[in-house]
Structures are given as C-alpha cells and as structure tokens.
Amino acid sequence: MKKEHGQVTGIIWRGPADLAAYQQLRDYAEQHHLTVSAAAKELVIRALNDAKS
C-alpha cells in the first residue's frame, strides 16, 4: 500500500456496524463536498475538541 506524505493511520471497515458507520461518513462527506478522508479527519478533530470541553 502506498502512503501519502503525512498519512499516519488508516481505518479498516469490517462487519455490518462498521459498514453502516462508513456509509454515514460517506454521506456526510458528500453533503459537505469533502472526500471521505477529509470528512473523517474533520469529525475526529471536532470530537477530540469537544471531549476537551
């Protein structure tokens, strides 16, 4: 697998629950005109910032 510069981790989607979550992520990305990767990054950063509060 070829990694991009700065790529640290990947997410492996397995099983029905993971695939349902991926579908939600893909839908979110589409609605916000983002790539799935950019949407995942945005949501992780937002969740981590909210967890600090």
C-alpha atoms as a PDB file:
ATOM      1  CA  MET A   1       0.000   0.000   0.000  1.00  0.00           C
ATOM      2  CA  LYS A   2       1.388   3.395  -0.952  1.00  0.00           C
ATOM      3  CA  LYS A   3       1.002   6.007   1.784  1.00  0.00           C
ATOM      4  CA  GLU A   4       0.685   9.714   1.238  1.00  0.00           C
ATOM      5  CA  HIS A   5       3.060  12.117   2.966  1.00  0.00           C
ATOM      6  CA  GLY A   6       1.691  12.693   6.463  1.00  0.00           C
ATOM      7  CA  GLN A   7      -0.544   9.622   6.451  1.00  0.00           C
ATOM      8  CA  VAL A   8      -0.313   8.064   9.874  1.00  0.00           C
ATOM      9  CA  THR A   9      -3.230   5.687  10.168  1.00  0.00           C
ATOM     10  CA  GLY A  10      -5.962   4.048   8.185  1.00  0.00           C
ATOM     11  CA  ILE A  11      -9.343   2.753   9.202  1.00  0.00           C
ATOM     12  CA  ILE A  12     -10.356  -0.805   8.420  1.00  0.00           C
ATOM     13  CA  TRP A  13     -14.110  -1.206   7.986  1.00  0.00           C
ATOM     14  CA  ARG A  14     -15.336  -4.733   8.742  1.00  0.00           C
ATOM     15  CA  GLY A  15     -18.728  -6.104   9.613  1.00  0.00           C
ATOM     16  CA  PRO A  16     -22.211  -4.628   9.351  1.00  0.00           C
ATOM     17  CA  ALA A  17     -21.828  -1.986  12.089  1.00  0.00           C
ATOM     18  CA  ASP A  18     -18.566  -0.681  10.594  1.00  0.00           C
ATOM     19  CA  LEU A  19     -20.023  -0.614   7.107  1.00  0.00           C
ATOM     20  CA  ALA A  20     -23.089   1.276   8.362  1.00  0.00           C
ATOM     21  CA  ALA A  21     -20.788   3.835  10.012  1.00  0.00           C
ATOM     22  CA  TYR A  22     -18.763   4.122   6.796  1.00  0.00           C
ATOM     23  CA  GLN A  23     -21.976   4.747   4.836  1.00  0.00           C
ATOM     24  CA  GLN A  24     -22.860   7.559   7.252  1.00  0.00           C
ATOM     25  CA  LEU A  25     -19.371   9.003   6.853  1.00  0.00           C
ATOM     26  CA  ARG A  26     -19.595   8.776   3.073  1.00  0.00           C
ATOM     27  CA  ASP A  27     -22.989  10.505   3.124  1.00  0.00           C
ATOM     28  CA  TYR A  28     -21.628  13.236   5.407  1.00  0.00           C
ATOM     29  CA  ALA A  29     -18.660  13.747   3.100  1.00  0.00           C
ATOM     30  CA  GLU A  30     -20.907  14.009   0.058  1.00  0.00           C
ATOM     31  CA  GLN A  31     -23.245  16.504   1.753  1.00  0.00           C
ATOM     32  CA  HIS A  32     -20.304  18.708   2.746  1.00  0.00           C
ATOM     33  CA  HIS A  33     -18.441  18.364  -0.562  1.00  0.00           C
ATOM     34  CA  LEU A  34     -15.478  16.625   1.102  1.00  0.00           C
ATOM     35  CA  THR A  35     -13.534  13.476   0.441  1.00  0.00           C
ATOM     36  CA  VAL A  36     -14.260  10.654   2.865  1.00  0.00           C
ATOM     37  CA  SER A  37     -10.766  11.096   4.293  1.00  0.00           C
ATOM     38  CA  ALA A  38     -11.226  14.844   4.829  1.00  0.00           C
ATOM     39  CA  ALA A  39     -14.625  14.262   6.446  1.00  0.00           C
ATOM     40  CA  ALA A  40     -13.169  11.649   8.803  1.00  0.00           C
ATOM     41  CA  LYS A  41     -10.349  13.997   9.780  1.00  0.00           C
ATOM     42  CA  GLU A  42     -12.781  16.870  10.384  1.00  0.00           C
ATOM     43  CA  LEU A  43     -15.064  14.726  12.538  1.00  0.00           C
ATOM     44  CA  VAL A  44     -12.203  13.267  14.593  1.00  0.00           C
ATOM     45  CA  ILE A  45     -10.766  16.721  15.278  1.00  0.00           C
ATOM     46  CA  ARG A  46     -14.211  18.055  16.222  1.00  0.00           C
ATOM     47  CA  ALA A  47     -14.876  15.094  18.545  1.00  0.00           C
ATOM     48  CA  LEU A  48     -11.493  15.478  20.241  1.00  0.00           C
ATOM     49  CA  ASN A  49     -12.014  19.206  20.723  1.00  0.00           C
ATOM     50  CA  ASP A  50     -15.492  18.565  22.161  1.00  0.00           C
ATOM     51  CA  ALA A  51     -14.041  15.924  24.501  1.00  0.00           C
ATOM     52  CA  LYS A  52     -11.658  18.534  25.963  1.00  0.00           C
ATOM     53  CA  SER A  53     -14.564  20.786  26.913  1.00  0.00           C
END
